[in-house]
């Protein structure tokens, strides 16, 4: 949680709020790959990339 706190303080101090959507999209794609990798929908997910 220290990493998230430091990241938030960095964005707040330097006015880099445009990074938030990029970070959220990367996290969602990572979760999709991790949870979709071992399931029956894996072939459909991999066709997106």
PDB file of N, CA and C in Angstrom:
ATOM      1  N   UNK A   1       0.815  -1.199   0.000  1.00  0.00           N
ATOM      2  CA  UNK A   1       0.000   0.000   0.000  1.00  0.00           C
ATOM      3  C   UNK A   1       0.861   1.267   0.000  1.00  0.00           C
ATOM      4  N   UNK A   2       2.108   1.150   0.435  1.00  0.00           N
ATOM      5  CA  UNK A   2       2.991   2.314   0.394  1.00  0.00           C
ATOM      6  C   UNK A   2       3.214   2.796  -1.032  1.00  0.00           C
ATOM      7  N   UNK A   3       3.303   1.842  -1.953  1.00  0.00           N
ATOM      8  CA  UNK A   3       3.508   2.207  -3.353  1.00  0.00           C
ATOM      9  C   UNK A   3       2.338   3.038  -3.878  1.00  0.00           C
ATOM     10  N   UNK A   4       1.122   2.606  -3.567  1.00  0.00           N
ATOM     11  CA  UNK A   4      -0.058   3.343  -4.035  1.00  0.00           C
ATOM     12  C   UNK A   4      -0.129   4.725  -3.406  1.00  0.00           C
ATOM     13  N   UNK A   5       0.221   4.804  -2.137  1.00  0.00           N
ATOM     14  CA  UNK A   5       0.221   6.097  -1.453  1.00  0.00           C
ATOM     15  C   UNK A   5       1.258   7.033  -2.074  1.00  0.00           C
ATOM     16  N   UNK A   6       2.463   6.508  -2.323  1.00  0.00           N
ATOM     17  CA  UNK A   6       3.500   7.323  -2.947  1.00  0.00           C
ATOM     18  C   UNK A   6       3.113   7.745  -4.362  1.00  0.00           C
ATOM     19  N   UNK A   7       2.497   6.834  -5.095  1.00  0.00           N
ATOM     20  CA  UNK A   7       2.054   7.163  -6.452  1.00  0.00           C
ATOM     21  C   UNK A   7       1.001   8.269  -6.428  1.00  0.00           C
ATOM     22  N   UNK A   8       0.054   8.178  -5.510  1.00  0.00           N
ATOM     23  CA  UNK A   8      -0.986   9.201  -5.404  1.00  0.00           C
ATOM     24  C   UNK A   8      -0.383  10.549  -5.017  1.00  0.00           C
ATOM     25  N   UNK A   9       0.546  10.551  -4.061  1.00  0.00           N
ATOM     26  CA  UNK A   9       1.177  11.803  -3.649  1.00  0.00           C
ATOM     27  C   UNK A   9       1.990  12.412  -4.787  1.00  0.00           C
ATOM     28  N   UNK A  10       2.655  11.571  -5.574  1.00  0.00           N
ATOM     29  CA  UNK A  10       3.392  12.057  -6.740  1.00  0.00           C
ATOM     30  C   UNK A  10       2.464  12.737  -7.731  1.00  0.00           C
ATOM     31  N   UNK A  11       1.340  12.063  -8.054  1.00  0.00           N
ATOM     32  CA  UNK A  11       0.406  12.629  -9.031  1.00  0.00           C
ATOM     33  C   UNK A  11      -0.237  13.906  -8.498  1.00  0.00           C
ATOM     34  N   UNK A  12      -0.529  13.940  -7.214  1.00  0.00           N
ATOM     35  CA  UNK A  12      -1.167  15.119  -6.620  1.00  0.00           C
ATOM     36  C   UNK A  12      -0.211  16.310  -6.593  1.00  0.00           C
ATOM     37  N   UNK A  13       1.031  16.054  -6.232  1.00  0.00           N
ATOM     38  CA  UNK A  13       2.003  17.139  -6.109  1.00  0.00           C
ATOM     39  C   UNK A  13       2.401  17.717  -7.457  1.00  0.00           C
ATOM     40  N   UNK A  14       2.564  16.858  -8.447  1.00  0.00           N
ATOM     41  CA  UNK A  14       3.043  17.314  -9.751  1.00  0.00           C
ATOM     42  C   UNK A  14       1.925  17.518 -10.770  1.00  0.00           C
ATOM     43  N   UNK A  15       0.681  17.403 -10.326  1.00  0.00           N
ATOM     44  CA  UNK A  15      -0.499  17.609 -11.193  1.00  0.00           C
ATOM     45  C   UNK A  15      -0.473  16.683 -12.406  1.00  0.00           C
ATOM     46  N   UNK A  16      -0.202  15.407 -12.172  1.00  0.00           N
ATOM     47  CA  UNK A  16      -0.142  14.412 -13.241  1.00  0.00           C
ATOM     48  C   UNK A  16      -1.375  13.505 -13.201  1.00  0.00           C
ATOM     49  N   UNK A  17      -2.543  14.099 -13.073  1.00  0.00           N
ATOM     50  CA  UNK A  17      -3.759  13.304 -12.960  1.00  0.00           C
ATOM     51  C   UNK A  17      -4.120  12.586 -14.255  1.00  0.00           C
ATOM     52  N   UNK A  18      -3.498  12.943 -15.357  1.00  0.00           N
ATOM     53  CA  UNK A  18      -3.749  12.251 -16.614  1.00  0.00           C
ATOM     54  C   UNK A  18      -3.190  10.830 -16.581  1.00  0.00           C
ATOM     55  N   UNK A  19      -2.358  10.509 -15.588  1.00  0.00           N
ATOM     56  CA  UNK A  19      -1.820   9.159 -15.464  1.00  0.00           C
ATOM     57  C   UNK A  19      -2.853   8.167 -14.928  1.00  0.00           C
ATOM     58  N   UNK A  20      -3.876   8.661 -14.239  1.00  0.00           N
ATOM     59  CA  UNK A  20      -4.860   7.779 -13.598  1.00  0.00           C
ATOM     60  C   UNK A  20      -5.555   6.867 -14.612  1.00  0.00           C
ATOM     61  N   UNK A  21      -6.099   7.371 -15.725  1.00  0.00           N
ATOM     62  CA  UNK A  21      -6.754   6.457 -16.677  1.00  0.00           C
ATOM     63  C   UNK A  21      -5.794   5.429 -17.271  1.00  0.00           C
ATOM     64  N   UNK A  22      -4.552   5.815 -17.499  1.00  0.00           N
ATOM     65  CA  UNK A  22      -3.571   4.876 -18.052  1.00  0.00           C
ATOM     66  C   UNK A  22      -3.311   3.746 -17.066  1.00  0.00           C
ATOM     67  N   UNK A  23      -3.141   4.088 -15.800  1.00  0.00           N
ATOM     68  CA  UNK A  23      -2.881   3.078 -14.772  1.00  0.00           C
ATOM     69  C   UNK A  23      -4.077   2.151 -14.611  1.00  0.00           C
ATOM     70  N   UNK A  24      -5.276   2.698 -14.629  1.00  0.00           N
ATOM     71  CA  UNK A  24      -6.489   1.884 -14.474  1.00  0.00           C
ATOM     72  C   UNK A  24      -6.637   0.911 -15.643  1.00  0.00           C
ATOM     73  N   UNK A  25      -6.414   1.370 -16.856  1.00  0.00           N
ATOM     74  CA  UNK A  25      -6.530   0.497 -18.028  1.00  0.00           C
ATOM     75  C   UNK A  25      -5.487  -0.616 -17.976  1.00  0.00           C
ATOM     76  N   UNK A  26      -4.256  -0.293 -17.588  1.00  0.00           N
ATOM     77  CA  UNK A  26      -3.219  -1.316 -17.480  1.00  0.00           C
ATOM     78  C   UNK A  26      -3.566  -2.350 -16.417  1.00  0.00           C
ATOM     79  N   UNK A  27      -4.106  -1.905 -15.288  1.00  0.00           N
ATOM     80  CA  UNK A  27      -4.517  -2.847 -14.243  1.00  0.00           C
ATOM     81  C   UNK A  27      -5.653  -3.750 -14.716  1.00  0.00           C
ATOM     82  N   UNK A  28      -6.628  -3.191 -15.414  1.00  0.00           N
ATOM     83  CA  UNK A  28      -7.739  -3.998 -15.914  1.00  0.00           C
ATOM     84  C   UNK A  28      -7.273  -5.023 -16.953  1.00  0.00           C
ATOM     85  N   UNK A  29      -6.378  -4.614 -17.831  1.00  0.00           N
ATOM     86  CA  UNK A  29      -5.851  -5.570 -18.815  1.00  0.00           C
ATOM     87  C   UNK A  29      -5.059  -6.675 -18.133  1.00  0.00           C
ATOM     88  N   UNK A  30      -4.291  -6.322 -17.116  1.00  0.00           N
ATOM     89  CA  UNK A  30      -3.543  -7.331 -16.374  1.00  0.00           C
ATOM     90  C   UNK A  30      -4.454  -8.309 -15.674  1.00  0.00           C
ATOM     91  N   UNK A  31      -5.514  -7.805 -15.049  1.00  0.00           N
ATOM     92  CA  UNK A  31      -6.472  -8.687 -14.383  1.00  0.00           C
ATOM     93  C   UNK A  31      -7.190  -9.586 -15.382  1.00  0.00           C
ATOM     94  N   UNK A  32      -7.520  -9.047 -16.535  1.00  0.00           N
ATOM     95  CA  UNK A  32      -8.180  -9.847 -17.566  1.00  0.00           C
ATOM     96  C   UNK A  32      -7.293 -10.998 -18.021  1.00  0.00           C
ATOM     97  N   UNK A  33      -6.027 -10.727 -18.192  1.00  0.00           N
ATOM     98  CA  UNK A  33      -5.099 -11.775 -18.637  1.00  0.00           C
ATOM     99  C   UNK A  33      -4.886 -12.809 -17.538  1.00  0.00           C
ATOM    100  N   UNK A  34      -4.741 -12.356 -16.292  1.00  0.00           N
ATOM    101  CA  UNK A  34      -4.494 -13.286 -15.188  1.00  0.00           C
ATOM    102  C   UNK A  34      -5.699 -14.190 -14.946  1.00  0.00           C
ATOM    103  N   UNK A  35      -6.883 -13.601 -14.849  1.00  0.00           N
ATOM    104  CA  UNK A  35      -8.065 -14.406 -14.550  1.00  0.00           C
ATOM    105  C   UNK A  35      -8.603 -15.155 -15.765  1.00  0.00           C
ATOM    106  N   UNK A  36      -8.336 -14.653 -16.945  1.00  0.00           N
ATOM    107  CA  UNK A  36      -8.820 -15.318 -18.151  1.00  0.00           C
ATOM    108  C   UNK A  36      -7.873 -16.386 -18.657  1.00  0.00           C
ATOM    109  N   UNK A  37      -6.654 -16.412 -18.148  1.00  0.00           N
ATOM    110  CA  UNK A  37      -5.661 -17.361 -18.639  1.00  0.00           C
ATOM    111  C   UNK A  37      -5.984 -18.801 -18.310  1.00  0.00           C
ATOM    112  N   UNK A  38      -6.637 -19.050 -17.187  1.00  0.00           N
ATOM    113  CA  UNK A  38      -6.910 -20.426 -16.795  1.00  0.00           C
ATOM    114  C   UNK A  38      -8.357 -20.830 -16.964  1.00  0.00           C
ATOM    115  N   UNK A  39      -9.100 -20.099 -17.724  1.00  0.00           N
ATOM    116  CA  UNK A  39     -10.526 -20.417 -17.856  1.00  0.00           C
ATOM    117  C   UNK A  39     -10.869 -20.852 -19.284  1.00  0.00           C
ATOM    118  N   UNK A  40     -12.117 -21.148 -19.477  1.00  0.00           N
ATOM    119  CA  UNK A  40     -12.581 -21.602 -20.787  1.00  0.00           C
ATOM    120  C   UNK A  40     -12.682 -20.451 -21.790  1.00  0.00           C
ATOM    121  N   UNK A  41     -12.677 -19.224 -21.317  1.00  0.00           N
ATOM    122  CA  UNK A  41     -12.784 -18.090 -22.244  1.00  0.00           C
ATOM    123  C   UNK A  41     -11.422 -17.591 -22.708  1.00  0.00           C
ATOM    124  N   UNK A  42     -10.347 -18.274 -22.305  1.00  0.00           N
ATOM    125  CA  UNK A  42      -8.992 -17.845 -22.673  1.00  0.00           C
ATOM    126  C   UNK A  42      -8.797 -17.694 -24.182  1.00  0.00           C
ATOM    127  N   UNK A  43      -9.263 -18.629 -25.011  1.00  0.00           N
ATOM    128  CA  UNK A  43      -9.052 -18.444 -26.458  1.00  0.00           C
ATOM    129  C   UNK A  43      -9.715 -17.188 -27.009  1.00  0.00           C
ATOM    130  N   UNK A  44     -10.826 -16.784 -26.422  1.00  0.00           N
ATOM    131  CA  UNK A  44     -11.513 -15.580 -26.895  1.00  0.00           C
ATOM    132  C   UNK A  44     -10.793 -14.316 -26.456  1.00  0.00           C
ATOM    133  N   UNK A  45     -10.188 -14.358 -25.282  1.00  0.00           N
ATOM    134  CA  UNK A  45      -9.438 -13.200 -24.792  1.00  0.00           C
ATOM    135  C   UNK A  45      -8.180 -13.009 -25.623  1.00  0.00           C
ATOM    136  N   UNK A  46      -7.470 -14.093 -25.931  1.00  0.00           N
ATOM    137  CA  UNK A  46      -6.227 -13.984 -26.660  1.00  0.00           C
ATOM    138  C   UNK A  46      -6.439 -13.524 -28.105  1.00  0.00           C
ATOM    139  N   UNK A  47      -7.624 -13.709 -28.644  1.00  0.00           N
ATOM    140  CA  UNK A  47      -7.864 -13.215 -29.995  1.00  0.00           C
ATOM    141  C   UNK A  47      -7.978 -11.692 -30.010  1.00  0.00           C
ATOM    142  N   UNK A  48      -8.233 -11.077 -28.854  1.00  0.00           N
ATOM    143  CA  UNK A  48      -8.294  -9.616 -28.796  1.00  0.00           C
ATOM    144  C   UNK A  48      -6.913  -8.997 -28.963  1.00  0.00           C
ATOM    145  N   UNK A  49      -5.893  -9.731 -28.598  1.00  0.00           N
ATOM    146  CA  UNK A  49      -4.546  -9.191 -28.657  1.00  0.00           C
ATOM    147  C   UNK A  49      -3.811  -9.803 -29.816  1.00  0.00           C
TER     148      UNK A  49
END
